[in-house]
Amino acid sequence: MKNCVFLIGFMGAGKSRLGKRLAKRMNFTFLDADKEIEKENQATVEELFATLGESGFRALERKWLEDLDTENAIVALGGGTPCFNNNMDLILEKGKSIYLQLEPKTLVDRLQNAKGIRPLIEPIKNDKEALLSFVEQKLIEREQFYKKANFTTKAMSLSAKRLDSLIEVIERL
């Protein structure tokens, strides 16, 4: 699975959006791990969190990653995926990884304006201070995993030119 590129980073970093653009430009398949897990389990991430708890959902993520067998794909992973069940080691075995890095304040702005429900932040989504505190704390916990990626890029705005540069990096990894 050498041509599998995993996009990792915090929720709201733009993994799905960038993943679709990269896949199109590289003529690769795009997979959104959360959407694939929802299809397999016929339930939304929110429903899976509610019925299985976070640890049960993380077990589903692990199984999905273990079963993943695809070539020429860009895979957007959930923000917590690399941080549980030695998933980052598996990600590194299965392909190349890119950490989309953003500042906490930018993540908060994106998360507050995002459509859809994100179970981990739903209770505090509209409280900017609480959300910022949560994001900062989670980033402290998760950075050690995210930093294991093959490449890190600032995800603020990826113009066509920066997208081309990122594709060149992917091809060299």
Protein backbone atom coordinates (compact mmCIF):
# COMPACT_ATOMS: atom_id res chain seq x y z
CA MET A 1 0.00 0.00 0.00
CA LYS A 2 2.81 2.39 -0.76
CA ASN A 3 0.54 4.83 -2.54
CA CYS A 4 -1.79 5.38 0.37
CA VAL A 5 -1.52 8.86 1.89
CA PHE A 6 -3.07 9.45 5.31
CA LEU A 7 -4.05 12.97 6.33
CA ILE A 8 -3.94 13.44 10.07
CA GLY A 9 -4.60 16.38 12.36
CA PHE A 10 -7.15 17.82 14.73
CA MET A 11 -10.83 18.01 13.84
CA GLY A 12 -11.42 21.08 11.73
CA ALA A 13 -7.91 21.05 10.22
CA GLY A 14 -9.33 20.47 6.73
CA LYS A 15 -8.35 16.84 6.17
CA SER A 16 -11.46 15.96 4.15
CA ARG A 17 -11.45 19.16 2.13
CA LEU A 18 -7.76 18.90 1.28
CA GLY A 19 -8.06 15.15 0.76
CA LYS A 20 -10.69 15.58 -1.95
CA ARG A 21 -8.56 18.20 -3.72
CA LEU A 22 -5.39 16.09 -3.51
CA ALA A 23 -7.16 12.95 -4.70
CA LYS A 24 -8.59 14.78 -7.69
CA ARG A 25 -5.24 16.32 -8.65
CA MET A 26 -3.36 13.02 -8.22
CA ASN A 27 -6.09 10.87 -9.78
CA PHE A 28 -6.34 8.90 -6.52
CA THR A 29 -9.38 7.59 -4.66
CA PHE A 30 -10.52 9.66 -1.69
CA LEU A 31 -11.63 7.95 1.51
CA ASP A 32 -13.00 9.68 4.60
CA ALA A 33 -12.45 7.18 7.43
CA ASP A 34 -15.41 8.44 9.48
CA LYS A 35 -17.77 8.14 6.48
CA GLU A 36 -16.47 4.64 5.71
CA ILE A 37 -16.94 3.55 9.34
CA GLU A 38 -20.47 5.01 9.29
CA LYS A 39 -21.28 3.02 6.12
CA GLU A 40 -19.87 -0.23 7.54
CA ASN A 41 -21.78 0.15 10.79
CA GLN A 42 -24.93 1.79 9.40
CA ALA A 43 -24.74 4.48 12.07
CA THR A 44 -23.30 7.99 12.36
CA VAL A 45 -20.14 8.69 14.35
CA GLU A 46 -22.37 10.48 16.86
CA GLU A 47 -24.59 7.38 17.23
CA LEU A 48 -21.56 5.09 17.51
CA PHE A 49 -20.07 7.28 20.26
CA ALA A 50 -23.43 7.28 22.07
CA THR A 51 -23.91 3.51 21.93
CA LEU A 52 -20.32 2.25 22.18
CA GLY A 53 -18.56 5.07 24.01
CA GLU A 54 -15.27 6.51 22.84
CA SER A 55 -13.29 3.32 23.44
CA GLY A 56 -15.80 1.27 21.41
CA PHE A 57 -15.62 3.76 18.56
CA ARG A 58 -11.80 3.71 18.69
CA ALA A 59 -11.91 -0.09 18.38
CA LEU A 60 -14.00 0.28 15.20
CA GLU A 61 -11.43 2.76 13.84
CA ARG A 62 -8.62 0.30 14.55
CA LYS A 63 -10.41 -2.55 12.80
CA TRP A 64 -11.18 -0.34 9.80
CA LEU A 65 -7.51 0.66 9.56
CA GLU A 66 -6.37 -2.96 9.88
CA ASP A 67 -8.75 -4.04 7.11
CA LEU A 68 -7.85 -1.13 4.82
CA ASP A 69 -6.23 -2.50 1.68
CA THR A 70 -6.13 0.07 -1.07
CA GLU A 71 -3.68 1.59 -3.52
CA ASN A 72 -3.54 5.14 -4.84
CA ALA A 73 -5.75 6.61 -2.14
CA ILE A 74 -5.86 9.75 -0.03
CA VAL A 75 -7.37 8.89 3.37
CA ALA A 76 -8.71 11.55 5.73
CA LEU A 77 -8.59 10.16 9.25
CA GLY A 78 -10.55 11.29 12.27
CA GLY A 79 -8.68 13.67 14.56
CA GLY A 80 -8.19 11.07 17.28
CA THR A 81 -7.43 8.09 15.06
CA PRO A 82 -3.61 8.31 15.27
CA CYS A 83 -3.73 8.65 19.07
CA PHE A 84 -5.28 5.32 20.08
CA ASN A 85 -4.52 1.59 19.86
CA ASN A 86 -1.05 2.11 18.33
CA ASN A 87 -2.82 3.35 15.20
CA MET A 88 0.02 5.72 14.29
CA ASP A 89 2.39 2.77 13.94
CA LEU A 90 -0.12 1.05 11.67
CA ILE A 91 -0.60 4.24 9.64
CA LEU A 92 3.16 4.51 9.11
CA GLU A 93 3.32 0.84 8.05
CA LYS A 94 0.47 1.18 5.57
CA GLY A 95 1.50 4.36 3.81
CA LYS A 96 2.67 7.94 4.00
CA SER A 97 1.24 10.42 6.46
CA ILE A 98 0.85 14.17 6.47
CA TYR A 99 0.02 16.18 9.57
CA LEU A 100 -2.15 19.21 8.81
CA GLN A 101 -1.19 21.62 11.57
CA LEU A 102 -3.25 24.62 12.66
CA GLU A 103 -3.22 27.03 15.59
CA PRO A 104 -5.82 26.36 18.32
CA LYS A 105 -7.65 29.68 17.73
CA THR A 106 -8.06 28.88 14.02
CA LEU A 107 -9.35 25.40 14.87
CA VAL A 108 -11.88 26.90 17.30
CA ASP A 109 -13.15 29.34 14.65
CA ARG A 110 -13.53 26.52 12.15
CA LEU A 111 -15.20 24.19 14.65
CA GLN A 112 -17.70 26.82 15.77
CA ASN A 113 -18.69 27.50 12.16
CA ALA A 114 -18.74 23.86 11.05
CA LYS A 115 -21.88 22.02 10.08
CA GLY A 116 -22.47 18.59 11.51
CA ILE A 117 -22.09 17.18 14.97
CA ARG A 118 -18.75 16.33 16.54
CA PRO A 119 -19.42 14.28 19.66
CA LEU A 120 -16.33 15.32 21.61
CA ILE A 121 -17.09 19.05 21.40
CA GLU A 122 -20.87 19.22 21.07
CA PRO A 123 -21.54 20.25 24.70
CA ILE A 124 -19.05 23.15 24.48
CA LYS A 125 -19.22 24.07 20.79
CA ASN A 126 -20.81 27.48 21.43
CA ASP A 127 -18.61 28.42 24.41
CA LYS A 128 -15.50 29.85 22.75
CA GLU A 129 -13.37 29.88 25.93
CA ALA A 130 -14.26 26.32 26.90
CA LEU A 131 -13.72 25.11 23.34
CA LEU A 132 -10.34 26.84 23.12
CA SER A 133 -9.28 25.27 26.42
CA PHE A 134 -10.43 21.83 25.17
CA VAL A 135 -8.61 22.20 21.84
CA GLU A 136 -5.39 23.37 23.51
CA GLN A 137 -5.48 20.46 25.99
CA LYS A 138 -6.24 17.85 23.31
CA LEU A 139 -3.47 19.20 21.08
CA ILE A 140 -1.00 18.82 23.95
CA GLU A 141 -2.11 15.17 24.29
CA ARG A 142 -2.17 14.44 20.56
CA GLU A 143 0.89 16.30 19.23
CA GLN A 144 3.21 13.41 20.15
CA PHE A 145 1.26 11.20 17.74
CA TYR A 146 0.69 13.79 15.03
CA LYS A 147 4.41 14.65 15.03
CA LYS A 148 5.26 11.08 13.97
CA ALA A 149 3.83 11.85 10.52
CA ASN A 150 6.19 11.64 7.57
CA PHE A 151 5.56 15.31 6.81
CA THR A 152 3.98 18.29 8.60
CA THR A 153 2.45 21.27 6.82
CA LYS A 154 0.67 24.38 7.99
CA ALA A 155 -2.91 23.92 6.85
CA MET A 156 -4.01 27.54 6.93
CA SER A 157 -4.60 27.97 3.23
CA LEU A 158 -3.48 25.61 0.55
CA SER A 159 -3.45 27.45 -2.75
CA ALA A 160 -3.07 25.60 -6.05
CA LYS A 161 0.66 26.36 -5.92
CA ARG A 162 1.01 24.99 -2.36
CA LEU A 163 -1.10 21.99 -3.36
CA ASP A 164 1.36 21.25 -6.19
CA SER A 165 4.25 21.55 -3.72
CA LEU A 166 2.50 19.14 -1.37
CA ILE A 167 2.02 16.64 -4.21
CA GLU A 168 5.76 16.88 -4.95
CA VAL A 169 6.50 16.16 -1.28
CA ILE A 170 4.13 13.14 -1.32
CA GLU A 171 5.86 11.76 -4.38
CA ARG A 172 9.25 12.06 -2.64
CA LEU A 173 8.16 10.47 0.66
